[in-house]
Amino acid sequence: MRGVVMYAPGDVRVEEREHPTIVEPTDAIIRVAASCICGSDLWPYRGAEDVDHTPMGHEYVGVVTEIGGEVRNVKVGDFVVGSFFASDNTCEICRAGYQSRCVHAHPMGAIGTQAEYARIPLADGTLVATPGEPDTDLIPSLLAASDVLGTGWFAAVAAEAGPGKTVAVVGDGAVGLLGILAARELGAERIIAMSRHADRQALAREFGATDIVEERGDAGVARINELTEGLGAHSVIEAVGTQESMMQAIDATRPGGHVGYVGVSHDVSLDGLTLFFSGVHLHGGPAPVRRFLPDLIRLIWERKIDPGKVFDLTLPLEQAPEGYRAMDERRATKVLLTV
């Protein structure tokens, strides 16, 4: 089968990979209908994380083609959506709603789903079948649910976005934009998008942003304070993962407020005394997408939300290297790969 492999920073190739097979009786094999390139894939692409002939991709939707002998919840022929972490969905951590930290968690990035087929470990706990074969136009939104929608949703939940709340969103990539959508669906009264890019600002407004702040760092915090009568936002979503973005999020939050952080942390450190006197709640990490998948699939299936709009470039799998370049050069927000 064909699949994407990153040989080294900046060196992405599409080549023949071994066709996946059932390894454990809890596995399933899917024929991938669509995959995509994640903002987190740019960290190794830019040399910020080690990479060496690594299969790429952790977001996926597709059709089950084979199941192991212990799989009960999905069957051959099902169209399924899965999380970027495989989980058993039965351990105490999963039952508490943190499937990405399952005691048997398996990162799908170690398998690589930018490919024609993929092996899904712990299929019963990881995969959620759609009510039927989806219309073609729903596939991008279902694919978004596999990571960026579920991650943005978790960020909004962790930040306790809801009725009467002012929510600020740091980061205008796919996760930040879908955090805006989530905050709207959760009933937030006011949503402030921090963005300098006209195309992303337009989508932010379509997803529910009421205000746009172009300033960053201390200037961005000052602008949030200005918009909130000097108090700061009740809820702040941090969707970048840098020192600047994390401090911007904490400083833009009012005392007693909540930060939901889902940007993959790179060289972020927090001063204990600063944090102590901020009086803010911090909650985040790898999103437990599996917790939200059934509800997100229902909202998409009923056409109540359209998160697939974050995909602004669609390419065939063979052109994945161009997709990486487009995202790295900020010519695309998120690239969908057709398989």
C-alpha atoms as a PDB file:
ATOM      1  CA  MET A   1       0.000   0.000   0.000  1.00  0.00           C
ATOM      2  CA  ARG A   2       1.017   3.647  -0.330  1.00  0.00           C
ATOM      3  CA  GLY A   3       1.772   5.727   2.741  1.00  0.00           C
ATOM      4  CA  VAL A   4       3.491   8.925   3.879  1.00  0.00           C
ATOM      5  CA  VAL A   5       6.924   8.683   5.496  1.00  0.00           C
ATOM      6  CA  MET A   6       9.003  11.547   6.895  1.00  0.00           C
ATOM      7  CA  TYR A   7      12.663  10.696   6.373  1.00  0.00           C
ATOM      8  CA  ALA A   8      14.036  13.822   8.046  1.00  0.00           C
ATOM      9  CA  PRO A   9      12.923  17.399   8.726  1.00  0.00           C
ATOM     10  CA  GLY A  10      11.490  18.793   5.499  1.00  0.00           C
ATOM     11  CA  ASP A  11      11.814  15.443   3.711  1.00  0.00           C
ATOM     12  CA  VAL A  12       8.370  13.870   3.208  1.00  0.00           C
ATOM     13  CA  ARG A  13       7.810  11.048   0.743  1.00  0.00           C
ATOM     14  CA  VAL A  14       4.956   8.816  -0.359  1.00  0.00           C
ATOM     15  CA  GLU A  15       6.144   5.265  -0.822  1.00  0.00           C
ATOM     16  CA  GLU A  16       5.187   1.626  -0.587  1.00  0.00           C
ATOM     17  CA  ARG A  17       4.613   0.425   2.961  1.00  0.00           C
ATOM     18  CA  GLU A  18       3.733  -2.989   4.260  1.00  0.00           C
ATOM     19  CA  HIS A  19       0.001  -3.703   4.215  1.00  0.00           C
ATOM     20  CA  PRO A  20      -1.256  -3.875   7.825  1.00  0.00           C
ATOM     21  CA  THR A  21      -2.438  -7.165   9.295  1.00  0.00           C
ATOM     22  CA  ILE A  22      -4.184  -8.219  12.481  1.00  0.00           C
ATOM     23  CA  VAL A  23      -1.567  -8.464  15.247  1.00  0.00           C
ATOM     24  CA  GLU A  24      -3.770  -8.672  18.341  1.00  0.00           C
ATOM     25  CA  PRO A  25      -7.300 -10.137  18.518  1.00  0.00           C
ATOM     26  CA  THR A  26      -8.519  -6.666  19.548  1.00  0.00           C
ATOM     27  CA  ASP A  27      -7.268  -5.080  16.282  1.00  0.00           C
ATOM     28  CA  ALA A  28      -9.224  -3.932  13.255  1.00  0.00           C
ATOM     29  CA  ILE A  29      -7.984  -3.021   9.789  1.00  0.00           C
ATOM     30  CA  ILE A  30      -9.597  -0.080   7.990  1.00  0.00           C
ATOM     31  CA  ARG A  31      -9.430   1.123   4.423  1.00  0.00           C
ATOM     32  CA  VAL A  32      -8.750   4.806   4.944  1.00  0.00           C
ATOM     33  CA  ALA A  33     -11.258   7.065   3.194  1.00  0.00           C
ATOM     34  CA  ALA A  34      -9.494  10.291   4.136  1.00  0.00           C
ATOM     35  CA  SER A  35      -6.646  11.446   6.329  1.00  0.00           C
ATOM     36  CA  CYS A  36      -5.036  14.810   6.887  1.00  0.00           C
ATOM     37  CA  ILE A  37      -1.980  16.731   7.989  1.00  0.00           C
ATOM     38  CA  CYS A  38      -2.002  18.028  11.559  1.00  0.00           C
ATOM     39  CA  GLY A  39      -0.354  21.181  12.839  1.00  0.00           C
ATOM     40  CA  SER A  40       1.555  18.926  15.238  1.00  0.00           C
ATOM     41  CA  ASP A  41       3.074  17.163  12.208  1.00  0.00           C
ATOM     42  CA  LEU A  42       4.900  20.419  11.507  1.00  0.00           C
ATOM     43  CA  TRP A  43       6.993  20.137  14.677  1.00  0.00           C
ATOM     44  CA  PRO A  44       9.138  17.281  13.273  1.00  0.00           C
ATOM     45  CA  TYR A  45       8.866  18.764   9.776  1.00  0.00           C
ATOM     46  CA  ARG A  46      10.532  21.915  11.105  1.00  0.00           C
ATOM     47  CA  GLY A  47      13.120  19.998  13.121  1.00  0.00           C
ATOM     48  CA  ALA A  48      11.649  20.686  16.573  1.00  0.00           C
ATOM     49  CA  GLU A  49      11.115  16.942  17.175  1.00  0.00           C
ATOM     50  CA  ASP A  50      13.217  13.954  16.142  1.00  0.00           C
ATOM     51  CA  VAL A  51      12.112  12.100  13.035  1.00  0.00           C
ATOM     52  CA  ASP A  52      13.790   9.324  11.058  1.00  0.00           C
ATOM     53  CA  HIS A  53      11.940   7.376   8.351  1.00  0.00           C
ATOM     54  CA  THR A  54       8.749   7.776  10.397  1.00  0.00           C
ATOM     55  CA  PRO A  55       5.265   6.800   9.102  1.00  0.00           C
ATOM     56  CA  MET A  56       3.061   9.872   9.439  1.00  0.00           C
ATOM     57  CA  GLY A  57      -0.527  10.640  10.359  1.00  0.00           C
ATOM     58  CA  HIS A  58      -2.878  10.089  13.296  1.00  0.00           C
ATOM     59  CA  GLU A  59      -6.260  11.325  11.988  1.00  0.00           C
ATOM     60  CA  TYR A  60      -8.495   9.028   9.982  1.00  0.00           C
ATOM     61  CA  VAL A  61     -11.907   7.861   8.874  1.00  0.00           C
ATOM     62  CA  GLY A  62     -12.574   4.757   6.841  1.00  0.00           C
ATOM     63  CA  VAL A  63     -14.281   1.431   6.344  1.00  0.00           C
ATOM     64  CA  VAL A  64     -13.538  -1.648   8.426  1.00  0.00           C
ATOM     65  CA  THR A  65     -12.146  -4.429   6.218  1.00  0.00           C
ATOM     66  CA  GLU A  66     -11.062  -6.972   8.843  1.00  0.00           C
ATOM     67  CA  ILE A  67     -11.489  -7.512  12.583  1.00  0.00           C
ATOM     68  CA  GLY A  68      -9.716  -9.593  15.191  1.00  0.00           C
ATOM     69  CA  GLY A  69     -11.432 -12.426  16.981  1.00  0.00           C
ATOM     70  CA  GLU A  70     -12.235 -10.386  20.107  1.00  0.00           C
ATOM     71  CA  VAL A  71     -13.726  -7.328  18.387  1.00  0.00           C
ATOM     72  CA  ARG A  72     -17.434  -6.924  19.130  1.00  0.00           C
ATOM     73  CA  ASN A  73     -18.418  -3.259  18.739  1.00  0.00           C
ATOM     74  CA  VAL A  74     -17.612  -2.763  15.056  1.00  0.00           C
ATOM     75  CA  LYS A  75     -17.980  -5.059  12.090  1.00  0.00           C
ATOM     76  CA  VAL A  76     -16.606  -5.384   8.573  1.00  0.00           C
ATOM     77  CA  GLY A  77     -18.264  -2.777   6.355  1.00  0.00           C
ATOM     78  CA  ASP A  78     -18.795  -0.178   9.084  1.00  0.00           C
ATOM     79  CA  PHE A  79     -17.729   3.381   8.325  1.00  0.00           C
ATOM     80  CA  VAL A  80     -15.804   4.473  11.416  1.00  0.00           C
ATOM     81  CA  VAL A  81     -14.158   7.449  13.070  1.00  0.00           C
ATOM     82  CA  GLY A  82     -11.363   6.955  15.582  1.00  0.00           C
ATOM     83  CA  SER A  83      -9.283   9.026  17.959  1.00  0.00           C
ATOM     84  CA  PHE A  84      -5.589   9.834  17.569  1.00  0.00           C
ATOM     85  CA  PHE A  85      -5.023   7.677  20.659  1.00  0.00           C
ATOM     86  CA  ALA A  86      -6.234   4.088  20.730  1.00  0.00           C
ATOM     87  CA  SER A  87      -7.826   3.227  24.075  1.00  0.00           C
ATOM     88  CA  ASP A  88      -9.672   0.311  25.617  1.00  0.00           C
ATOM     89  CA  ASN A  89     -12.443   2.650  26.878  1.00  0.00           C
ATOM     90  CA  THR A  90     -12.948   0.355  29.882  1.00  0.00           C
ATOM     91  CA  CYS A  91     -10.130   1.128  32.357  1.00  0.00           C
ATOM     92  CA  GLU A  92     -10.712   3.507  35.270  1.00  0.00           C
ATOM     93  CA  ILE A  93      -8.998   6.367  33.477  1.00  0.00           C
ATOM     94  CA  CYS A  94     -11.145   5.896  30.362  1.00  0.00           C
ATOM     95  CA  ARG A  95     -14.328   5.649  32.410  1.00  0.00           C
ATOM     96  CA  ALA A  96     -13.398   8.969  34.020  1.00  0.00           C
ATOM     97  CA  GLY A  97     -13.321  10.482  30.514  1.00  0.00           C
ATOM     98  CA  TYR A  98      -9.577  10.614  29.839  1.00  0.00           C
ATOM     99  CA  GLN A  99      -9.179   7.998  27.122  1.00  0.00           C
ATOM    100  CA  SER A 100      -6.029   9.620  25.732  1.00  0.00           C
ATOM    101  CA  ARG A 101      -4.343   8.614  29.007  1.00  0.00           C
ATOM    102  CA  CYS A 102      -5.785   5.073  29.023  1.00  0.00           C
ATOM    103  CA  VAL A 103      -3.592   2.574  30.857  1.00  0.00           C
ATOM    104  CA  HIS A 104      -3.273   0.793  27.496  1.00  0.00           C
ATOM    105  CA  ALA A 105      -3.124   3.951  25.357  1.00  0.00           C
ATOM    106  CA  HIS A 106      -1.495   3.526  21.963  1.00  0.00           C
ATOM    107  CA  PRO A 107      -0.611   6.641  19.915  1.00  0.00           C
ATOM    108  CA  MET A 108      -1.916   6.309  16.369  1.00  0.00           C
ATOM    109  CA  GLY A 109       0.996   8.429  15.184  1.00  0.00           C
ATOM    110  CA  ALA A 110       3.213   5.411  15.851  1.00  0.00           C
ATOM    111  CA  ILE A 111       1.198   3.547  13.208  1.00  0.00           C
ATOM    112  CA  GLY A 112       0.788   6.297  10.614  1.00  0.00           C
ATOM    113  CA  THR A 113      -2.660   6.845   9.121  1.00  0.00           C
ATOM    114  CA  GLN A 114      -1.658   8.960   6.120  1.00  0.00           C
ATOM    115  CA  ALA A 115      -1.923   5.753   4.134  1.00  0.00           C
ATOM    116  CA  GLU A 116      -4.336   3.583   2.188  1.00  0.00           C
ATOM    117  CA  TYR A 117      -4.934   1.181   5.092  1.00  0.00           C
ATOM    118  CA  ALA A 118      -4.319   1.287   8.840  1.00  0.00           C
ATOM    119  CA  ARG A 119      -4.306  -1.113  11.764  1.00  0.00           C
ATOM    120  CA  ILE A 120      -6.393   0.177  14.674  1.00  0.00           C
ATOM    121  CA  PRO A 121      -5.436  -1.311  18.058  1.00  0.00           C
ATOM    122  CA  LEU A 122      -8.126  -1.722  20.721  1.00  0.00           C
ATOM    123  CA  ALA A 123     -10.775  -1.318  18.043  1.00  0.00           C
ATOM    124  CA  ASP A 124     -13.757  -1.762  20.362  1.00  0.00           C
ATOM    125  CA  GLY A 125     -12.670   1.141  22.527  1.00  0.00           C
ATOM    126  CA  THR A 126     -11.220   3.334  19.807  1.00  0.00           C
ATOM    127  CA  LEU A 127     -13.607   3.249  16.845  1.00  0.00           C
ATOM    128  CA  VAL A 128     -17.116   4.682  16.638  1.00  0.00           C
ATOM    129  CA  ALA A 129     -19.293   3.638  13.703  1.00  0.00           C
ATOM    130  CA  THR A 130     -21.428   6.218  11.933  1.00  0.00           C
ATOM    131  CA  PRO A 131     -25.178   5.515  11.530  1.00  0.00           C
ATOM    132  CA  GLY A 132     -24.579   4.454   7.933  1.00  0.00           C
ATOM    133  CA  GLU A 133     -22.470   5.240   4.879  1.00  0.00           C
ATOM    134  CA  PRO A 134     -21.912   9.018   5.058  1.00  0.00           C
ATOM    135  CA  ASP A 135     -22.606  11.389   2.205  1.00  0.00           C
ATOM    136  CA  THR A 136     -19.346  12.449   0.590  1.00  0.00           C
ATOM    137  CA  ASP A 137     -19.680  16.018   1.812  1.00  0.00           C
ATOM    138  CA  LEU A 138     -19.779  14.841   5.447  1.00  0.00           C
ATOM    139  CA  ILE A 139     -16.427  13.057   5.298  1.00  0.00           C
ATOM    140  CA  PRO A 140     -14.284  16.193   5.956  1.00  0.00           C
ATOM    141  CA  SER A 141     -16.307  17.007   9.077  1.00  0.00           C
ATOM    142  CA  LEU A 142     -16.161  13.418  10.332  1.00  0.00           C
ATOM    143  CA  LEU A 143     -12.403  13.479   9.747  1.00  0.00           C
ATOM    144  CA  ALA A 144     -12.140  16.703  11.765  1.00  0.00           C
ATOM    145  CA  ALA A 145     -13.822  14.875  14.661  1.00  0.00           C
ATOM    146  CA  SER A 146     -10.881  12.436  14.765  1.00  0.00           C
ATOM    147  CA  ASP A 147      -8.630  15.111  16.254  1.00  0.00           C
ATOM    148  CA  VAL A 148      -8.984  18.853  15.734  1.00  0.00           C
ATOM    149  CA  LEU A 149     -12.709  19.105  16.488  1.00  0.00           C
ATOM    150  CA  GLY A 150     -12.435  16.788  19.494  1.00  0.00           C
ATOM    151  CA  THR A 151      -9.351  18.662  20.665  1.00  0.00           C
ATOM    152  CA  GLY A 152     -10.961  22.070  20.284  1.00  0.00           C
ATOM    153  CA  TRP A 153     -14.035  20.750  22.073  1.00  0.00           C
ATOM    154  CA  PHE A 154     -11.963  19.433  24.978  1.00  0.00           C
ATOM    155  CA  ALA A 155     -10.160  22.772  25.199  1.00  0.00           C
ATOM    156  CA  ALA A 156     -13.488  24.590  25.489  1.00  0.00           C
ATOM    157  CA  VAL A 157     -14.744  22.118  28.101  1.00  0.00           C
ATOM    158  CA  ALA A 158     -11.482  22.342  30.067  1.00  0.00           C
ATOM    159  CA  ALA A 159     -11.752  26.144  29.974  1.00  0.00           C
ATOM    160  CA  GLU A 160     -15.337  25.808  31.248  1.00  0.00           C
ATOM    161  CA  ALA A 161     -16.787  27.768  28.338  1.00  0.00           C
ATOM    162  CA  GLY A 162     -20.515  28.171  28.707  1.00  0.00           C
ATOM    163  CA  PRO A 163     -23.476  30.521  29.089  1.00  0.00           C
ATOM    164  CA  GLY A 164     -22.599  33.983  30.338  1.00  0.00           C
ATOM    165  CA  LYS A 165     -18.881  33.418  29.752  1.00  0.00           C
ATOM    166  CA  THR A 166     -16.393  35.427  27.726  1.00  0.00           C
ATOM    167  CA  VAL A 167     -13.998  33.049  25.964  1.00  0.00           C
ATOM    168  CA  ALA A 168     -10.675  34.070  24.398  1.00  0.00           C
ATOM    169  CA  VAL A 169      -8.899  31.756  21.973  1.00  0.00           C
ATOM    170  CA  VAL A 170      -5.114  31.912  21.565  1.00  0.00           C
ATOM    171  CA  GLY A 171      -4.181  30.311  18.233  1.00  0.00           C
ATOM    172  CA  ASP A 172      -5.998  30.509  14.904  1.00  0.00           C
ATOM    173  CA  GLY A 173      -5.039  27.111  13.496  1.00  0.00           C
ATOM    174  CA  ALA A 174      -7.596  24.357  13.019  1.00  0.00           C
ATOM    175  CA  VAL A 175      -7.792  23.534  16.744  1.00  0.00           C
ATOM    176  CA  GLY A 176      -8.227  27.148  17.779  1.00  0.00           C
ATOM    177  CA  LEU A 177     -10.890  27.721  15.132  1.00  0.00           C
ATOM    178  CA  LEU A 178     -12.807  24.632  16.219  1.00  0.00           C
ATOM    179  CA  GLY A 179     -12.398  25.689  19.842  1.00  0.00           C
ATOM    180  CA  ILE A 180     -14.389  28.748  18.794  1.00  0.00           C
ATOM    181  CA  LEU A 181     -17.080  26.518  17.283  1.00  0.00           C
ATOM    182  CA  ALA A 182     -17.146  24.438  20.469  1.00  0.00           C
ATOM    183  CA  ALA A 183     -17.418  27.499  22.694  1.00  0.00           C
ATOM    184  CA  ARG A 184     -20.371  28.679  20.618  1.00  0.00           C
ATOM    185  CA  GLU A 185     -22.080  25.289  20.874  1.00  0.00           C
ATOM    186  CA  LEU A 186     -21.491  25.293  24.631  1.00  0.00           C
ATOM    187  CA  GLY A 187     -23.335  28.604  24.855  1.00  0.00           C
ATOM    188  CA  ALA A 188     -20.562  31.164  25.394  1.00  0.00           C
ATOM    189  CA  GLU A 189     -21.844  34.732  25.382  1.00  0.00           C
ATOM    190  CA  ARG A 190     -18.749  36.334  23.847  1.00  0.00           C
ATOM    191  CA  ILE A 191     -15.868  34.732  21.943  1.00  0.00           C
ATOM    192  CA  ILE A 192     -12.659  36.621  21.237  1.00  0.00           C
ATOM    193  CA  ALA A 193     -10.460  35.173  18.486  1.00  0.00           C
ATOM    194  CA  MET A 194      -6.796  36.165  18.549  1.00  0.00           C
ATOM    195  CA  SER A 195      -5.757  36.152  14.883  1.00  0.00           C
ATOM    196  CA  ARG A 196      -3.767  38.203  12.390  1.00  0.00           C
ATOM    197  CA  HIS A 197      -4.888  36.393   9.246  1.00  0.00           C
ATOM    198  CA  ALA A 198      -7.902  37.674   7.302  1.00  0.00           C
ATOM    199  CA  ASP A 199      -8.993  34.265   6.001  1.00  0.00           C
ATOM    200  CA  ARG A 200      -8.861  32.699   9.465  1.00  0.00           C
ATOM    201  CA  GLN A 201     -10.596  35.705  10.981  1.00  0.00           C
ATOM    202  CA  ALA A 202     -13.462  35.214   8.523  1.00  0.00           C
ATOM    203  CA  LEU A 203     -13.815  31.536   9.441  1.00  0.00           C
ATOM    204  CA  ALA A 204     -13.551  32.399  13.140  1.00  0.00           C
ATOM    205  CA  ARG A 205     -16.516  34.746  12.764  1.00  0.00           C
ATOM    206  CA  GLU A 206     -18.441  32.089  10.845  1.00  0.00           C
ATOM    207  CA  PHE A 207     -17.790  29.634  13.696  1.00  0.00           C
ATOM    208  CA  GLY A 208     -19.004  32.119  16.305  1.00  0.00           C
ATOM    209  CA  ALA A 209     -16.313  34.677  17.171  1.00  0.00           C
ATOM    210  CA  THR A 210     -17.771  38.005  18.234  1.00  0.00           C
ATOM    211  CA  ASP A 211     -14.485  39.925  18.445  1.00  0.00           C
ATOM    212  CA  ILE A 212     -11.081  39.764  16.750  1.00  0.00           C
ATOM    213  CA  VAL A 213      -7.823  40.729  18.483  1.00  0.00           C
ATOM    214  CA  GLU A 214      -4.773  41.002  16.235  1.00  0.00           C
ATOM    215  CA  GLU A 215      -2.259  41.934  18.933  1.00  0.00           C
ATOM    216  CA  ARG A 216      -0.033  39.278  20.524  1.00  0.00           C
ATOM    217  CA  GLY A 217       1.863  38.890  23.772  1.00  0.00           C
ATOM    218  CA  ASP A 218       1.497  41.699  26.298  1.00  0.00           C
ATOM    219  CA  ALA A 219      -0.318  43.861  23.757  1.00  0.00           C
ATOM    220  CA  GLY A 220      -2.817  41.062  23.156  1.00  0.00           C
ATOM    221  CA  VAL A 221      -3.393  40.685  26.899  1.00  0.00           C
ATOM    222  CA  ALA A 222      -3.924  44.433  27.216  1.00  0.00           C
ATOM    223  CA  ARG A 223      -6.514  44.318  24.450  1.00  0.00           C
ATOM    224  CA  ILE A 224      -8.368  41.431  26.140  1.00  0.00           C
ATOM    225  CA  ASN A 225      -8.397  43.431  29.383  1.00  0.00           C
ATOM    226  CA  GLU A 226      -9.734  46.432  27.516  1.00  0.00           C
ATOM    227  CA  LEU A 227     -12.577  44.349  26.090  1.00  0.00           C
ATOM    228  CA  THR A 228     -13.445  42.867  29.492  1.00  0.00           C
ATOM    229  CA  GLU A 229     -13.443  45.994  31.664  1.00  0.00           C
ATOM    230  CA  GLY A 230      -9.996  45.147  33.013  1.00  0.00           C
ATOM    231  CA  LEU A 231     -11.002  41.743  34.367  1.00  0.00           C
ATOM    232  CA  GLY A 232      -9.810  39.307  31.711  1.00  0.00           C
ATOM    233  CA  ALA A 233     -11.713  36.470  30.072  1.00  0.00           C
ATOM    234  CA  HIS A 234     -13.580  33.850  32.082  1.00  0.00           C
ATOM    235  CA  SER A 235     -12.266  31.091  29.815  1.00  0.00           C
ATOM    236  CA  VAL A 236      -9.172  30.968  27.602  1.00  0.00           C
ATOM    237  CA  ILE A 237      -8.266  28.285  25.076  1.00  0.00           C
ATOM    238  CA  GLU A 238      -4.529  27.847  24.430  1.00  0.00           C
ATOM    239  CA  ALA A 239      -4.056  26.067  21.092  1.00  0.00           C
ATOM    240  CA  VAL A 240      -0.427  26.715  20.124  1.00  0.00           C
ATOM    241  CA  GLY A 241       2.030  25.237  22.630  1.00  0.00           C
ATOM    242  CA  THR A 242       4.734  27.913  22.898  1.00  0.00           C
ATOM    243  CA  GLN A 243       5.958  29.907  25.882  1.00  0.00           C
ATOM    244  CA  GLU A 244       4.432  33.091  24.488  1.00  0.00           C
ATOM    245  CA  SER A 245       1.043  31.520  23.804  1.00  0.00           C
ATOM    246  CA  MET A 246       0.811  29.904  27.228  1.00  0.00           C
ATOM    247  CA  MET A 247       1.698  33.108  29.076  1.00  0.00           C
ATOM    248  CA  GLN A 248      -0.655  35.077  26.854  1.00  0.00           C
ATOM    249  CA  ALA A 249      -3.428  32.640  27.793  1.00  0.00           C
ATOM    250  CA  ILE A 250      -2.729  32.742  31.539  1.00  0.00           C
ATOM    251  CA  ASP A 251      -2.339  36.525  31.622  1.00  0.00           C
ATOM    252  CA  ALA A 252      -5.561  37.039  29.640  1.00  0.00           C
ATOM    253  CA  THR A 253      -7.570  35.002  32.177  1.00  0.00           C
ATOM    254  CA  ARG A 254      -9.300  36.689  35.101  1.00  0.00           C
ATOM    255  CA  PRO A 255      -8.579  35.453  38.638  1.00  0.00           C
ATOM    256  CA  GLY A 256     -10.728  32.383  39.199  1.00  0.00           C
ATOM    257  CA  GLY A 257     -10.978  31.803  35.446  1.00  0.00           C
ATOM    258  CA  HIS A 258      -9.977  28.708  33.501  1.00  0.00           C
ATOM    259  CA  VAL A 259      -7.349  27.960  30.848  1.00  0.00           C
ATOM    260  CA  GLY A 260      -7.877  24.929  28.622  1.00  0.00           C
ATOM    261  CA  TYR A 261      -4.506  24.169  27.055  1.00  0.00           C
ATOM    262  CA  VAL A 262      -4.196  21.715  24.176  1.00  0.00           C
ATOM    263  CA  GLY A 263      -1.281  23.078  22.166  1.00  0.00           C
ATOM    264  CA  VAL A 264       1.503  20.472  22.188  1.00  0.00           C
ATOM    265  CA  SER A 265       3.971  22.029  24.632  1.00  0.00           C
ATOM    266  CA  HIS A 266       7.433  22.922  23.312  1.00  0.00           C
ATOM    267  CA  ASP A 267       9.900  24.581  25.707  1.00  0.00           C
ATOM    268  CA  VAL A 268       7.142  25.920  27.954  1.00  0.00           C
ATOM    269  CA  SER A 269       8.006  26.581  31.594  1.00  0.00           C
ATOM    270  CA  LEU A 270       5.833  28.275  34.218  1.00  0.00           C
ATOM    271  CA  ASP A 271       7.114  30.421  37.071  1.00  0.00           C
ATOM    272  CA  GLY A 272       5.573  29.131  40.291  1.00  0.00           C
ATOM    273  CA  LEU A 273       5.106  32.522  41.936  1.00  0.00           C
ATOM    274  CA  THR A 274       3.488  34.021  38.825  1.00  0.00           C
ATOM    275  CA  LEU A 275       1.136  31.078  38.615  1.00  0.00           C
ATOM    276  CA  PHE A 276       0.406  31.256  42.352  1.00  0.00           C
ATOM    277  CA  PHE A 277      -0.762  34.862  42.195  1.00  0.00           C
ATOM    278  CA  SER A 278      -2.635  34.481  38.905  1.00  0.00           C
ATOM    279  CA  GLY A 279      -5.416  32.556  40.639  1.00  0.00           C
ATOM    280  CA  VAL A 280      -6.318  30.717  37.432  1.00  0.00           C
ATOM    281  CA  HIS A 281      -7.218  27.083  36.841  1.00  0.00           C
ATOM    282  CA  LEU A 282      -5.119  25.136  34.307  1.00  0.00           C
ATOM    283  CA  HIS A 283      -6.492  22.001  32.684  1.00  0.00           C
ATOM    284  CA  GLY A 284      -5.431  20.369  29.445  1.00  0.00           C
ATOM    285  CA  GLY A 285      -3.163  17.912  27.711  1.00  0.00           C
ATOM    286  CA  PRO A 286      -3.802  15.377  24.933  1.00  0.00           C
ATOM    287  CA  ALA A 287      -7.522  15.611  24.259  1.00  0.00           C
ATOM    288  CA  PRO A 288      -9.649  12.577  25.166  1.00  0.00           C
ATOM    289  CA  VAL A 289     -11.339  12.741  21.772  1.00  0.00           C
ATOM    290  CA  ARG A 290     -13.034   9.369  22.286  1.00  0.00           C
ATOM    291  CA  ARG A 291     -15.110  10.889  25.108  1.00  0.00           C
ATOM    292  CA  PHE A 292     -16.753  13.296  22.679  1.00  0.00           C
ATOM    293  CA  LEU A 293     -16.922  11.240  19.466  1.00  0.00           C
ATOM    294  CA  PRO A 294     -20.493   9.899  19.765  1.00  0.00           C
ATOM    295  CA  ASP A 295     -21.949  13.379  20.325  1.00  0.00           C
ATOM    296  CA  LEU A 296     -19.737  15.015  17.698  1.00  0.00           C
ATOM    297  CA  ILE A 297     -20.659  12.402  15.094  1.00  0.00           C
ATOM    298  CA  ARG A 298     -24.344  12.961  15.880  1.00  0.00           C
ATOM    299  CA  LEU A 299     -24.025  16.741  15.485  1.00  0.00           C
ATOM    300  CA  ILE A 300     -22.227  16.297  12.176  1.00  0.00           C
ATOM    301  CA  TRP A 301     -24.643  13.607  10.940  1.00  0.00           C
ATOM    302  CA  GLU A 302     -27.603  15.861  11.723  1.00  0.00           C
ATOM    303  CA  ARG A 303     -25.773  18.734   9.955  1.00  0.00           C
ATOM    304  CA  LYS A 304     -25.878  20.965  13.005  1.00  0.00           C
ATOM    305  CA  ILE A 305     -22.153  21.770  12.756  1.00  0.00           C
ATOM    306  CA  ASP A 306     -19.760  21.853   9.799  1.00  0.00           C
ATOM    307  CA  PRO A 307     -16.216  21.614  11.196  1.00  0.00           C
ATOM    308  CA  GLY A 308     -14.906  20.352   7.848  1.00  0.00           C
ATOM    309  CA  LYS A 309     -14.639  23.988   6.757  1.00  0.00           C
ATOM    310  CA  VAL A 310     -11.215  24.113   8.439  1.00  0.00           C
ATOM    311  CA  PHE A 311      -9.856  22.119   5.487  1.00  0.00           C
ATOM    312  CA  ASP A 312      -8.883  24.751   2.952  1.00  0.00           C
ATOM    313  CA  LEU A 313      -6.741  22.538   0.726  1.00  0.00           C
ATOM    314  CA  THR A 314      -7.543  19.029  -0.509  1.00  0.00           C
ATOM    315  CA  LEU A 315      -4.878  16.916  -2.189  1.00  0.00           C
ATOM    316  CA  PRO A 316      -4.526  13.270  -3.172  1.00  0.00           C
ATOM    317  CA  LEU A 317      -2.306  11.185  -0.898  1.00  0.00           C
ATOM    318  CA  GLU A 318       0.467  11.186  -3.512  1.00  0.00           C
ATOM    319  CA  GLN A 319       0.776  14.968  -3.150  1.00  0.00           C
ATOM    320  CA  ALA A 320       1.240  14.897   0.630  1.00  0.00           C
ATOM    321  CA  PRO A 321       4.695  16.566   0.408  1.00  0.00           C
ATOM    322  CA  GLU A 322       3.042  19.617  -1.168  1.00  0.00           C
ATOM    323  CA  GLY A 323       0.465  19.588   1.636  1.00  0.00           C
ATOM    324  CA  TYR A 324       3.235  19.750   4.232  1.00  0.00           C
ATOM    325  CA  ARG A 325       4.881  22.638   2.378  1.00  0.00           C
ATOM    326  CA  ALA A 326       1.579  24.509   2.130  1.00  0.00           C
ATOM    327  CA  MET A 327       0.933  24.258   5.857  1.00  0.00           C
ATOM    328  CA  ASP A 328       4.531  25.054   6.776  1.00  0.00           C
ATOM    329  CA  GLU A 329       4.397  28.190   4.603  1.00  0.00           C
ATOM    330  CA  ARG A 330       0.941  29.093   5.997  1.00  0.00           C
ATOM    331  CA  ARG A 331      -0.632  28.824   2.563  1.00  0.00           C
ATOM    332  CA  ALA A 332      -3.131  26.395   4.091  1.00  0.00           C
ATOM    333  CA  THR A 333      -4.727  26.087   7.519  1.00  0.00           C
ATOM    334  CA  LYS A 334      -5.292  22.329   7.290  1.00  0.00           C
ATOM    335  CA  VAL A 335      -4.803  19.887   4.420  1.00  0.00           C
ATOM    336  CA  LEU A 336      -7.133  16.965   3.726  1.00  0.00           C
ATOM    337  CA  LEU A 337      -5.604  13.974   1.941  1.00  0.00           C
ATOM    338  CA  THR A 338      -7.931  11.900  -0.194  1.00  0.00           C
ATOM    339  CA  VAL A 339      -7.095   8.202  -0.373  1.00  0.00           C
END
